[in-house]
Amino acid sequence: MSSTHKPWIYAAALLSASALLSRVVGYARDVVLAAQLGAGPQTDAYFAAFLLPDVLYYLLSGGAFSLAFLPLFTRLQAQDERERAWRLFTWLAVGGTLVLGLTLTVAWHYVPHFVAIAYRGMDAETQALTVSLTRWVLPGPVFFFLGGLIAASQAAEKRFLASALPPLLYNVSILMCGLAWGSTAGAHAFAWGVLAGAILGSFFLALVIAWPHLRWQLRGAPRSAASDVRTYLVLALPLMIGVTLVTADEWFGRYFGAQVDAGALSTLQYARRLVVLPVALVGMAVGQASLPYLTELWARRDLSSFRRFLSNALTLASALGVLATTVLMLWSQELVGLLYERGAFGAAERERTAHALAILAPMVALWAAQTIAVRALYAREDTWRPMLLGTAVTALAFPVYAFGTQQFGLPGLAGASVVAFGLHLASTLLMVHRWHGDVLWGVLARALGRGALAGAAGAMAALLVAWSLPSTWMQGPLGQLLVLGVHGSVGAAILLVLLGDAGSPLRNRVAALLRRAKRGGAEAP
């Protein structure tokens, strides 16, 4: 295993494990939310309350820490400008907090106007609840900003714990507040958990983890600091003013979902949460772990290693994404029933959510692949072109969402997401080829083919198990878990063999773990 592959695969494994744990807790949170509130006006208001904070957070930071700050911070340290890098970090922390705090304070007073415009299809009672919930979650972006900046500074130095653990505590906070007060305070209890999670998880935990390694440099060299801040803003500005589908898809889902009928917005959000889990595991985790290494290879102008690393990351994420897609499509009823069907969330809600999930499932592979492909641009500090492309694709996709919703309702809205993500991936691959010469079409096609073969093999094994089980077993959680586990494990085992060079770090790691387990068993009394 190469020296580059080994730490990268460890980082990807850490972030994937964290994403898995965080999503498991997140699903427990959603289970409690669904059981107590179902899929109706209250949950519509809860999910709708995130639109304004999300928009403001995106416009004022753009999530630019890992995509703009990290490459710049890494380059300064590679040039032995460590003090200068930390001065940039400090100035951004102070200035960003002031700007966000002032903007959110002003926005707090205009929440009723925003809700009235954005959610015209809601009744007055649901709009009033949305206003109240929005004001509770509105301060969150300040703490997300600081936590994200801290995590990016640590990722630049190949420390990923500050990225891995805060999302877990964030979801735990929402879950605990929902369990404690959800039955009496309703959706407000979950909103309180969001605010608590933002403060304690996204910010405070990241600060505690990173504190021994942080270097605050506010004094000295104001000209160089101002110059670095300007450079950061040049890189980050396109991420702030541009809107990509990764963010806009959820905005569109909330906006158009509120126009379908009561409960449609909640149904789409429940289904989308099941799509985000595999995306986080195979796309975001691999992309987040790979960006520092791609940035470093580009800084050294080691183009052959850069392209090989990029191809392997794209192969790994895309193939695993296809495997996850087959699981979600084939077992959507079982997944939704297993996770959500209890309390106020009944059979009708399960049917509707499962239908939306089956339509959304191909998003996993498309989203995961696009997450890796765009990092070929960000690692080169190329942010303007992907911003312009993402904004153009989002603008072109808006009428697709509108048409799908008007003609087919909720299924049309879910289908529009898949079409839009396919367009986004194709256009990103074209841009990577056009401007930087990286030809990834063949890599992607082979990865999708391998994932499809593994998914088909896993599906056949799972169907054989399902057919051999008594019908009463398949109606219970044990039988559903068994077929899901067979599909995933058989598909993953076959995919591990099919991945070739891209899977060698994973195979080596699995083999090392097996050897260690074997030695431990041999030494046991």
Foldseek 3Di string as FASTA:
>chain_A
DDPLLQLLVVQLVLQLVLLLLLLVLLLLLVQLLCQQPNQFLLLLLLLLLCLVLLLLLQQLFLLCQQLQLLLLLLLCVVVVNNLLSLLLLQVCLVVSLVVLVVVLVVVLVCLLVVLCVLQVLDDPVSSVSSNVLNSLLNVLSSLLVQLSNLQSNVVLVSHRPSVRWLSNQLSVLLSVQCVVPCNPPNSNSSSNSNNVSSNVRSHVVSCVVCVVPRDHRNDDDPVSSVVSNVSSCVLRNLSNPFDFCVSVLLVLLSRLQSNQDTSSSVLLVVLVSLLVSLLSSQAVSSLSSCLSVLLVCVSVVVVVVNLVSLLLSLLRSLLSLLLQLLLLQVCLLLVLCLSHDHRNHHDVSSVSSSLLNNLLSNLSNLSRNLSSLCSLQSSVSRRNVLRVLRRVLSVVLSVQCVVLCVPPNSSRNSNSSNVSSNVSSVVSQVVCCVPPNNNCPVSSVLSSVLSVVLQVVQLVQLVVLVVPDPPVLCVDNVNSVVSSVSSVVSSVVSSLVSSPPSNVSVVVVVVVVVVVVVVVVVPDD
